[in-house]
Amino acid sequence: MSAEQCYYFDTNALYKHYVSDKSETTIRRLSTTNTVYVSNLSYLETLSVLMKYFRQGKLKKKAVNRVIDQLKHDIGTTPRHRFQLVATPEGVFRDARALMIEYAMKYELSTNDALHIAMARTLTPPVIMVTSDGGKSDFGKMKGVCTQIRLEVFDPETTQATLTQ
């Protein structure tokens, strides 16, 4: 992990930044020493996960509200923000459809995963996708698709960067 790297956090990574888990330290370190991009999709899905866990009794209302306040503070478009919010680029839905057609049968790619990948690969400078989607395998779900399209992946749960050259 280099200090001048740029990363894109999918929902899993953004959520884990705020809610304790074994990969939290690695994710927090990335967000304090590098440029990290998130999309409105990451933001919205993180809110959805928070609400789901609240309804299931896995998170208390106070914890949910704390995370929501922190998200509001940390995500934006100015240098003071921890996470840089990126606009949805032109053509991202077309690219996501193409990813679904090409890879969804083999890699169990979901609609939102395809959108995350399509957004991440449009960013300049190139970013490293931060996701644990796919489990311990480097070739499952999002990690598998990223490998196929040559988008570098970092899985904070395995702390192994998969450089796809």
N, C-alpha and C. Protein backbone atom coordinates (compact mmCIF):
# COMPACT_ATOMS: atom_id res chain seq x y z
N MET A 1 0.84 -1.17 0.00
CA MET A 1 0.00 0.00 0.00
C MET A 1 0.88 1.24 0.00
N SER A 2 0.77 2.01 -1.01
CA SER A 2 1.59 3.20 -1.17
C SER A 2 0.81 4.44 -0.76
N ALA A 3 1.50 5.46 -0.23
CA ALA A 3 0.84 6.67 0.24
C ALA A 3 0.15 7.42 -0.89
N GLU A 4 0.60 7.27 -2.12
CA GLU A 4 -0.02 8.01 -3.22
C GLU A 4 -1.10 7.21 -3.94
N GLN A 5 -1.52 6.13 -3.40
CA GLN A 5 -2.57 5.32 -4.01
C GLN A 5 -3.94 5.97 -3.81
N CYS A 6 -4.85 5.65 -4.72
CA CYS A 6 -6.24 6.06 -4.60
C CYS A 6 -7.08 4.79 -4.52
N TYR A 7 -8.07 4.82 -3.65
CA TYR A 7 -8.90 3.66 -3.41
C TYR A 7 -10.37 4.01 -3.62
N TYR A 8 -11.15 2.99 -3.93
CA TYR A 8 -12.60 3.11 -4.01
C TYR A 8 -13.17 2.11 -3.01
N PHE A 9 -13.96 2.61 -2.06
CA PHE A 9 -14.58 1.73 -1.06
C PHE A 9 -15.95 1.31 -1.55
N ASP A 10 -16.17 0.00 -1.62
CA ASP A 10 -17.53 -0.47 -1.85
C ASP A 10 -18.27 -0.39 -0.52
N THR A 11 -19.51 -0.81 -0.51
CA THR A 11 -20.33 -0.70 0.69
C THR A 11 -19.73 -1.45 1.87
N ASN A 12 -19.24 -2.65 1.61
CA ASN A 12 -18.65 -3.47 2.66
C ASN A 12 -17.51 -2.73 3.34
N ALA A 13 -16.64 -2.13 2.57
CA ALA A 13 -15.49 -1.42 3.13
C ALA A 13 -15.92 -0.18 3.89
N LEU A 14 -16.86 0.58 3.33
CA LEU A 14 -17.32 1.79 4.01
C LEU A 14 -18.00 1.44 5.33
N TYR A 15 -18.84 0.44 5.32
CA TYR A 15 -19.52 0.01 6.54
C TYR A 15 -18.50 -0.43 7.60
N LYS A 16 -17.53 -1.22 7.19
CA LYS A 16 -16.54 -1.73 8.14
C LYS A 16 -15.63 -0.63 8.70
N HIS A 17 -15.54 0.48 7.99
CA HIS A 17 -14.77 1.61 8.50
C HIS A 17 -15.39 2.11 9.80
N TYR A 18 -16.70 2.04 9.90
CA TYR A 18 -17.42 2.59 11.04
C TYR A 18 -17.86 1.57 12.07
N VAL A 19 -18.06 0.33 11.67
CA VAL A 19 -18.56 -0.69 12.58
C VAL A 19 -17.46 -1.71 12.80
N SER A 20 -17.09 -1.92 14.04
CA SER A 20 -15.95 -2.75 14.41
C SER A 20 -15.96 -4.13 13.78
N ASP A 21 -14.79 -4.54 13.38
CA ASP A 21 -14.60 -5.84 12.75
C ASP A 21 -13.10 -6.06 12.60
N LYS A 22 -12.69 -7.26 12.31
CA LYS A 22 -11.25 -7.57 12.27
C LYS A 22 -10.48 -6.79 11.20
N SER A 23 -11.15 -6.35 10.14
CA SER A 23 -10.47 -5.62 9.07
C SER A 23 -10.51 -4.11 9.29
N GLU A 24 -11.13 -3.66 10.39
CA GLU A 24 -11.32 -2.24 10.63
C GLU A 24 -10.00 -1.46 10.64
N THR A 25 -8.98 -1.98 11.28
CA THR A 25 -7.71 -1.27 11.39
C THR A 25 -7.11 -1.00 10.02
N THR A 26 -7.13 -1.99 9.16
CA THR A 26 -6.59 -1.82 7.82
C THR A 26 -7.39 -0.80 7.04
N ILE A 27 -8.69 -0.87 7.11
CA ILE A 27 -9.55 0.06 6.39
C ILE A 27 -9.35 1.48 6.91
N ARG A 28 -9.29 1.65 8.21
CA ARG A 28 -9.08 2.99 8.78
C ARG A 28 -7.73 3.56 8.36
N ARG A 29 -6.72 2.73 8.31
CA ARG A 29 -5.39 3.18 7.91
C ARG A 29 -5.42 3.68 6.46
N LEU A 30 -6.11 2.94 5.59
CA LEU A 30 -6.23 3.37 4.19
C LEU A 30 -6.86 4.75 4.08
N SER A 31 -7.90 4.98 4.88
CA SER A 31 -8.64 6.23 4.75
C SER A 31 -7.96 7.42 5.41
N THR A 32 -6.93 7.19 6.18
CA THR A 32 -6.22 8.31 6.79
C THR A 32 -4.95 8.68 6.03
N THR A 33 -4.45 7.80 5.18
CA THR A 33 -3.19 8.08 4.49
C THR A 33 -3.32 8.11 2.97
N ASN A 34 -4.53 7.93 2.44
CA ASN A 34 -4.72 7.88 1.00
C ASN A 34 -5.98 8.61 0.58
N THR A 35 -6.11 8.86 -0.70
CA THR A 35 -7.35 9.38 -1.23
C THR A 35 -8.31 8.22 -1.39
N VAL A 36 -9.48 8.34 -0.78
CA VAL A 36 -10.49 7.28 -0.86
C VAL A 36 -11.76 7.87 -1.44
N TYR A 37 -12.23 7.23 -2.50
CA TYR A 37 -13.46 7.63 -3.15
C TYR A 37 -14.60 6.71 -2.72
N VAL A 38 -15.78 7.30 -2.58
CA VAL A 38 -17.00 6.54 -2.39
C VAL A 38 -18.05 7.13 -3.32
N SER A 39 -19.00 6.31 -3.67
CA SER A 39 -20.09 6.76 -4.52
C SER A 39 -21.34 6.94 -3.69
N ASN A 40 -22.33 7.58 -4.29
CA ASN A 40 -23.63 7.67 -3.63
C ASN A 40 -24.21 6.28 -3.39
N LEU A 41 -23.86 5.34 -4.24
CA LEU A 41 -24.31 3.96 -4.05
C LEU A 41 -23.71 3.37 -2.77
N SER A 42 -22.41 3.57 -2.56
CA SER A 42 -21.77 3.10 -1.33
C SER A 42 -22.43 3.73 -0.11
N TYR A 43 -22.66 5.02 -0.19
CA TYR A 43 -23.26 5.78 0.91
C TYR A 43 -24.67 5.25 1.20
N LEU A 44 -25.50 5.14 0.18
CA LEU A 44 -26.88 4.70 0.34
C LEU A 44 -26.97 3.25 0.84
N GLU A 45 -26.15 2.39 0.27
CA GLU A 45 -26.15 0.99 0.72
C GLU A 45 -25.68 0.86 2.17
N THR A 46 -24.73 1.68 2.57
CA THR A 46 -24.26 1.64 3.96
C THR A 46 -25.39 2.04 4.90
N LEU A 47 -26.16 3.05 4.53
CA LEU A 47 -27.33 3.42 5.33
C LEU A 47 -28.32 2.27 5.40
N SER A 48 -28.51 1.58 4.28
CA SER A 48 -29.42 0.45 4.24
C SER A 48 -28.97 -0.67 5.17
N VAL A 49 -27.68 -0.96 5.17
CA VAL A 49 -27.13 -2.00 6.04
C VAL A 49 -27.31 -1.60 7.51
N LEU A 50 -27.04 -0.35 7.82
CA LEU A 50 -27.23 0.12 9.19
C LEU A 50 -28.66 -0.09 9.65
N MET A 51 -29.61 0.30 8.80
CA MET A 51 -31.03 0.16 9.16
C MET A 51 -31.44 -1.30 9.30
N LYS A 52 -30.92 -2.14 8.42
CA LYS A 52 -31.23 -3.57 8.50
C LYS A 52 -30.73 -4.15 9.82
N TYR A 53 -29.49 -3.82 10.18
CA TYR A 53 -28.94 -4.36 11.42
C TYR A 53 -29.65 -3.78 12.65
N PHE A 54 -30.13 -2.54 12.55
CA PHE A 54 -30.92 -1.99 13.64
C PHE A 54 -32.23 -2.77 13.79
N ARG A 55 -32.93 -3.01 12.68
CA ARG A 55 -34.19 -3.75 12.72
C ARG A 55 -33.99 -5.17 13.25
N GLN A 56 -32.84 -5.76 12.95
CA GLN A 56 -32.54 -7.12 13.41
C GLN A 56 -32.03 -7.16 14.85
N GLY A 57 -31.83 -5.99 15.45
CA GLY A 57 -31.35 -5.93 16.83
C GLY A 57 -29.85 -6.10 16.96
N LYS A 58 -29.12 -6.04 15.84
CA LYS A 58 -27.66 -6.19 15.88
C LYS A 58 -26.95 -4.88 16.20
N LEU A 59 -27.64 -3.75 15.98
CA LEU A 59 -27.09 -2.43 16.30
C LEU A 59 -28.14 -1.66 17.09
N LYS A 60 -27.68 -0.89 18.05
CA LYS A 60 -28.56 -0.03 18.84
C LYS A 60 -28.78 1.29 18.09
N LYS A 61 -29.89 1.94 18.39
CA LYS A 61 -30.24 3.21 17.74
C LYS A 61 -29.14 4.26 17.92
N LYS A 62 -28.56 4.31 19.10
CA LYS A 62 -27.49 5.28 19.38
C LYS A 62 -26.29 5.04 18.45
N ALA A 63 -25.92 3.79 18.25
CA ALA A 63 -24.80 3.45 17.37
C ALA A 63 -25.12 3.81 15.92
N VAL A 64 -26.34 3.53 15.50
CA VAL A 64 -26.74 3.86 14.13
C VAL A 64 -26.68 5.36 13.91
N ASN A 65 -27.22 6.13 14.85
CA ASN A 65 -27.20 7.59 14.73
C ASN A 65 -25.79 8.15 14.74
N ARG A 66 -24.91 7.54 15.54
CA ARG A 66 -23.50 7.97 15.58
C ARG A 66 -22.85 7.78 14.22
N VAL A 67 -23.08 6.62 13.60
CA VAL A 67 -22.50 6.34 12.29
C VAL A 67 -23.08 7.28 11.23
N ILE A 68 -24.38 7.50 11.27
CA ILE A 68 -25.00 8.41 10.30
C ILE A 68 -24.39 9.80 10.41
N ASP A 69 -24.22 10.30 11.63
CA ASP A 69 -23.60 11.62 11.83
C ASP A 69 -22.17 11.63 11.30
N GLN A 70 -21.44 10.57 11.54
CA GLN A 70 -20.05 10.50 11.07
C GLN A 70 -20.00 10.44 9.54
N LEU A 71 -20.90 9.67 8.93
CA LEU A 71 -20.95 9.62 7.46
C LEU A 71 -21.19 11.01 6.88
N LYS A 72 -22.14 11.74 7.46
CA LYS A 72 -22.44 13.10 6.99
C LYS A 72 -21.21 14.00 7.08
N HIS A 73 -20.44 13.82 8.13
CA HIS A 73 -19.24 14.62 8.34
C HIS A 73 -18.10 14.22 7.41
N ASP A 74 -17.95 12.92 7.18
CA ASP A 74 -16.78 12.40 6.47
C ASP A 74 -16.89 12.36 4.95
N ILE A 75 -18.10 12.35 4.42
CA ILE A 75 -18.28 12.19 2.97
C ILE A 75 -18.64 13.53 2.34
N GLY A 76 -17.87 13.91 1.32
CA GLY A 76 -18.14 15.17 0.62
C GLY A 76 -17.19 15.36 -0.54
N THR A 77 -17.16 16.55 -1.04
CA THR A 77 -16.38 16.82 -2.25
C THR A 77 -15.23 17.79 -2.03
N THR A 78 -14.95 18.13 -0.79
CA THR A 78 -13.85 19.05 -0.53
C THR A 78 -12.68 18.29 0.10
N PRO A 79 -11.49 18.87 0.05
CA PRO A 79 -10.32 18.19 0.62
C PRO A 79 -10.45 17.88 2.12
N ARG A 80 -11.29 18.59 2.84
CA ARG A 80 -11.44 18.34 4.28
C ARG A 80 -12.16 17.03 4.57
N HIS A 81 -12.85 16.49 3.58
CA HIS A 81 -13.61 15.27 3.77
C HIS A 81 -12.70 14.04 3.70
N ARG A 82 -12.93 13.13 4.60
CA ARG A 82 -12.16 11.87 4.63
C ARG A 82 -12.40 11.06 3.36
N PHE A 83 -13.66 11.03 2.91
CA PHE A 83 -14.03 10.28 1.70
C PHE A 83 -14.52 11.25 0.63
N GLN A 84 -13.95 11.10 -0.56
CA GLN A 84 -14.34 11.95 -1.67
C GLN A 84 -15.54 11.33 -2.39
N LEU A 85 -16.65 12.05 -2.39
CA LEU A 85 -17.86 11.58 -3.04
C LEU A 85 -17.75 11.83 -4.53
N VAL A 86 -17.91 10.78 -5.31
CA VAL A 86 -17.81 10.91 -6.77
C VAL A 86 -19.20 10.86 -7.39
N ALA A 87 -19.37 11.68 -8.38
CA ALA A 87 -20.63 11.68 -9.13
C ALA A 87 -20.71 10.41 -9.97
N THR A 88 -21.92 10.00 -10.28
CA THR A 88 -22.09 8.83 -11.13
C THR A 88 -21.72 9.24 -12.55
N PRO A 89 -20.67 8.65 -13.11
CA PRO A 89 -20.20 9.06 -14.43
C PRO A 89 -21.17 8.67 -15.55
N GLU A 90 -21.13 9.43 -16.61
CA GLU A 90 -21.91 9.12 -17.81
C GLU A 90 -21.54 7.72 -18.29
N GLY A 91 -22.51 6.93 -18.61
CA GLY A 91 -22.27 5.60 -19.16
C GLY A 91 -22.06 4.50 -18.14
N VAL A 92 -22.14 4.82 -16.84
CA VAL A 92 -21.85 3.81 -15.83
C VAL A 92 -22.90 2.69 -15.84
N PHE A 93 -24.15 3.03 -16.13
CA PHE A 93 -25.19 1.98 -16.18
C PHE A 93 -24.99 1.08 -17.39
N ARG A 94 -24.58 1.67 -18.49
CA ARG A 94 -24.28 0.87 -19.69
C ARG A 94 -23.13 -0.08 -19.41
N ASP A 95 -22.08 0.42 -18.77
CA ASP A 95 -20.94 -0.42 -18.43
C ASP A 95 -21.33 -1.51 -17.43
N ALA A 96 -22.17 -1.17 -16.46
CA ALA A 96 -22.62 -2.16 -15.48
C ALA A 96 -23.45 -3.25 -16.16
N ARG A 97 -24.29 -2.86 -17.12
CA ARG A 97 -25.06 -3.88 -17.86
C ARG A 97 -24.12 -4.82 -18.60
N ALA A 98 -23.09 -4.25 -19.21
CA ALA A 98 -22.12 -5.09 -19.94
C ALA A 98 -21.40 -6.05 -19.00
N LEU A 99 -21.05 -5.57 -17.80
CA LEU A 99 -20.42 -6.45 -16.81
C LEU A 99 -21.36 -7.57 -16.39
N MET A 100 -22.64 -7.24 -16.20
CA MET A 100 -23.63 -8.26 -15.83
C MET A 100 -23.73 -9.34 -16.90
N ILE A 101 -23.82 -8.90 -18.15
CA ILE A 101 -23.96 -9.85 -19.26
C ILE A 101 -22.72 -10.74 -19.36
N GLU A 102 -21.56 -10.13 -19.20
CA GLU A 102 -20.30 -10.87 -19.38
C GLU A 102 -19.95 -11.77 -18.19
N TYR A 103 -20.22 -11.32 -16.96
CA TYR A 103 -19.65 -12.00 -15.80
C TYR A 103 -20.63 -12.51 -14.74
N ALA A 104 -21.87 -12.10 -14.77
CA ALA A 104 -22.79 -12.42 -13.67
C ALA A 104 -23.05 -13.91 -13.49
N MET A 105 -23.09 -14.66 -14.56
CA MET A 105 -23.35 -16.09 -14.42
C MET A 105 -22.19 -16.80 -13.74
N LYS A 106 -20.98 -16.43 -14.09
CA LYS A 106 -19.80 -17.09 -13.54
C LYS A 106 -19.48 -16.63 -12.12
N TYR A 107 -19.65 -15.33 -11.84
CA TYR A 107 -19.20 -14.77 -10.58
C TYR A 107 -20.31 -14.34 -9.62
N GLU A 108 -21.55 -14.66 -9.90
CA GLU A 108 -22.66 -14.26 -9.03
C GLU A 108 -22.65 -12.76 -8.77
N LEU A 109 -22.37 -11.99 -9.79
CA LEU A 109 -22.30 -10.54 -9.68
C LEU A 109 -23.70 -9.97 -9.51
N SER A 110 -23.88 -9.11 -8.52
CA SER A 110 -25.17 -8.45 -8.33
C SER A 110 -25.19 -7.12 -9.09
N THR A 111 -26.37 -6.55 -9.19
CA THR A 111 -26.53 -5.26 -9.86
C THR A 111 -25.66 -4.20 -9.20
N ASN A 112 -25.75 -4.11 -7.87
CA ASN A 112 -24.97 -3.09 -7.17
C ASN A 112 -23.47 -3.32 -7.29
N ASP A 113 -23.05 -4.57 -7.26
CA ASP A 113 -21.63 -4.88 -7.45
C ASP A 113 -21.15 -4.41 -8.82
N ALA A 114 -21.96 -4.67 -9.84
CA ALA A 114 -21.60 -4.24 -11.20
C ALA A 114 -21.50 -2.73 -11.28
N LEU A 115 -22.40 -2.04 -10.60
CA LEU A 115 -22.34 -0.57 -10.59
C LEU A 115 -21.09 -0.07 -9.87
N HIS A 116 -20.74 -0.69 -8.73
CA HIS A 116 -19.51 -0.30 -8.03
C HIS A 116 -18.29 -0.48 -8.93
N ILE A 117 -18.19 -1.61 -9.57
CA ILE A 117 -17.04 -1.87 -10.44
C ILE A 117 -17.01 -0.90 -11.61
N ALA A 118 -18.16 -0.67 -12.23
CA ALA A 118 -18.23 0.27 -13.36
C ALA A 118 -17.80 1.66 -12.93
N MET A 119 -18.23 2.10 -11.75
CA MET A 119 -17.84 3.43 -11.26
C MET A 119 -16.35 3.48 -10.96
N ALA A 120 -15.86 2.48 -10.28
CA ALA A 120 -14.44 2.48 -9.88
C ALA A 120 -13.52 2.52 -11.08
N ARG A 121 -13.87 1.82 -12.13
CA ARG A 121 -12.93 1.77 -13.26
C ARG A 121 -12.99 3.01 -14.13
N THR A 122 -13.93 3.92 -13.87
CA THR A 122 -13.96 5.18 -14.62
C THR A 122 -13.13 6.27 -13.97
N LEU A 123 -12.71 6.05 -12.72
CA LEU A 123 -12.03 7.11 -11.98
C LEU A 123 -10.59 7.31 -12.47
N THR A 124 -10.19 8.57 -12.43
CA THR A 124 -8.84 8.94 -12.79
C THR A 124 -8.29 9.81 -11.67
N PRO A 125 -7.12 9.49 -11.15
CA PRO A 125 -6.24 8.39 -11.53
C PRO A 125 -6.89 7.05 -11.18
N PRO A 126 -6.32 5.97 -11.74
CA PRO A 126 -6.88 4.64 -11.45
C PRO A 126 -6.92 4.37 -9.95
N VAL A 127 -7.94 3.65 -9.53
CA VAL A 127 -8.12 3.34 -8.11
C VAL A 127 -7.96 1.85 -7.88
N ILE A 128 -7.78 1.52 -6.62
CA ILE A 128 -7.79 0.13 -6.18
C ILE A 128 -9.14 -0.10 -5.52
N MET A 129 -9.86 -1.12 -5.98
CA MET A 129 -11.15 -1.47 -5.41
C MET A 129 -10.94 -2.14 -4.06
N VAL A 130 -11.56 -1.61 -3.02
CA VAL A 130 -11.47 -2.21 -1.70
C VAL A 130 -12.79 -2.94 -1.45
N THR A 131 -12.70 -4.26 -1.39
CA THR A 131 -13.87 -5.10 -1.18
C THR A 131 -13.47 -6.43 -0.59
N SER A 132 -14.38 -7.01 0.15
CA SER A 132 -14.21 -8.38 0.64
C SER A 132 -15.21 -9.29 -0.05
N ASP A 133 -15.92 -8.76 -1.03
CA ASP A 133 -16.94 -9.52 -1.73
C ASP A 133 -16.28 -10.63 -2.53
N GLY A 134 -16.54 -11.84 -2.15
CA GLY A 134 -15.93 -12.99 -2.78
C GLY A 134 -15.25 -13.88 -1.77
N GLY A 135 -15.28 -13.45 -0.52
CA GLY A 135 -14.70 -14.27 0.54
C GLY A 135 -13.19 -14.38 0.43
N LYS A 136 -12.67 -15.50 0.86
CA LYS A 136 -11.21 -15.70 0.87
C LYS A 136 -10.65 -15.96 -0.51
N SER A 137 -11.51 -16.27 -1.46
CA SER A 137 -11.06 -16.51 -2.83
C SER A 137 -10.79 -15.19 -3.54
N ASP A 138 -9.74 -15.15 -4.33
CA ASP A 138 -9.47 -13.97 -5.14
C ASP A 138 -10.29 -13.98 -6.42
N PHE A 139 -11.08 -15.03 -6.62
CA PHE A 139 -11.80 -15.15 -7.87
C PHE A 139 -13.30 -15.30 -7.66
N GLY A 140 -13.81 -14.89 -6.50
CA GLY A 140 -15.25 -14.96 -6.26
C GLY A 140 -15.87 -13.60 -6.40
N LYS A 141 -17.07 -13.56 -6.87
CA LYS A 141 -17.88 -12.35 -6.97
C LYS A 141 -17.11 -11.16 -7.51
N MET A 142 -17.15 -10.04 -6.77
CA MET A 142 -16.52 -8.81 -7.26
C MET A 142 -15.03 -8.98 -7.52
N LYS A 143 -14.34 -9.68 -6.64
CA LYS A 143 -12.90 -9.84 -6.82
C LYS A 143 -12.60 -10.59 -8.11
N GLY A 144 -13.42 -11.56 -8.44
CA GLY A 144 -13.23 -12.31 -9.68
C GLY A 144 -13.42 -11.44 -10.91
N VAL A 145 -14.46 -10.62 -10.90
CA VAL A 145 -14.72 -9.73 -12.03
C VAL A 145 -13.60 -8.70 -12.15
N CYS A 146 -13.19 -8.13 -11.03
CA CYS A 146 -12.10 -7.15 -11.06
C CYS A 146 -10.83 -7.76 -11.64
N THR A 147 -10.55 -8.99 -11.27
CA THR A 147 -9.39 -9.68 -11.83
C THR A 147 -9.53 -9.82 -13.34
N GLN A 148 -10.72 -10.20 -13.79
CA GLN A 148 -10.95 -10.37 -15.23
C GLN A 148 -10.78 -9.07 -16.01
N ILE A 149 -11.21 -7.94 -15.44
CA ILE A 149 -11.14 -6.67 -16.17
C ILE A 149 -9.89 -5.86 -15.82
N ARG A 150 -9.03 -6.46 -15.01
CA ARG A 150 -7.74 -5.86 -14.68
C ARG A 150 -7.87 -4.60 -13.82
N LEU A 151 -8.80 -4.65 -12.88
CA LEU A 151 -8.96 -3.59 -11.88
C LEU A 151 -8.34 -4.12 -10.59
N GLU A 152 -7.35 -3.43 -10.09
CA GLU A 152 -6.65 -3.89 -8.89
C GLU A 152 -7.62 -3.95 -7.71
N VAL A 153 -7.45 -4.98 -6.87
CA VAL A 153 -8.33 -5.22 -5.73
C VAL A 153 -7.52 -5.32 -4.46
N PHE A 154 -8.06 -4.77 -3.39
CA PHE A 154 -7.48 -4.96 -2.07
C PHE A 154 -8.58 -5.48 -1.16
N ASP A 155 -8.35 -6.63 -0.54
CA ASP A 155 -9.30 -7.23 0.38
C ASP A 155 -8.77 -7.03 1.80
N PRO A 156 -9.39 -6.16 2.58
CA PRO A 156 -8.87 -5.90 3.93
C PRO A 156 -9.01 -7.08 4.88
N GLU A 157 -9.86 -8.03 4.55
CA GLU A 157 -10.02 -9.20 5.43
C GLU A 157 -8.87 -10.19 5.25
N THR A 158 -8.30 -10.22 4.06
CA THR A 158 -7.16 -11.10 3.84
C THR A 158 -5.86 -10.31 3.83
N THR A 159 -5.98 -8.97 3.82
CA THR A 159 -4.85 -8.03 3.73
C THR A 159 -3.86 -8.39 2.64
N GLN A 160 -4.42 -8.89 1.54
CA GLN A 160 -3.59 -9.19 0.38
C GLN A 160 -4.09 -8.37 -0.80
N ALA A 161 -3.21 -7.59 -1.38
CA ALA A 161 -3.59 -6.86 -2.58
C ALA A 161 -3.44 -7.82 -3.76
N THR A 162 -4.41 -7.82 -4.62
CA THR A 162 -4.36 -8.64 -5.81
C THR A 162 -4.12 -7.71 -6.99
N LEU A 163 -2.90 -7.63 -7.44
CA LEU A 163 -2.58 -6.79 -8.56
C LEU A 163 -2.86 -7.56 -9.84
N THR A 164 -3.74 -7.01 -10.66
CA THR A 164 -4.15 -7.70 -11.89
C THR A 164 -3.50 -6.99 -13.08
N GLN A 165 -2.33 -7.45 -13.44
CA GLN A 165 -1.59 -6.79 -14.51
C GLN A 165 -1.82 -7.46 -15.83
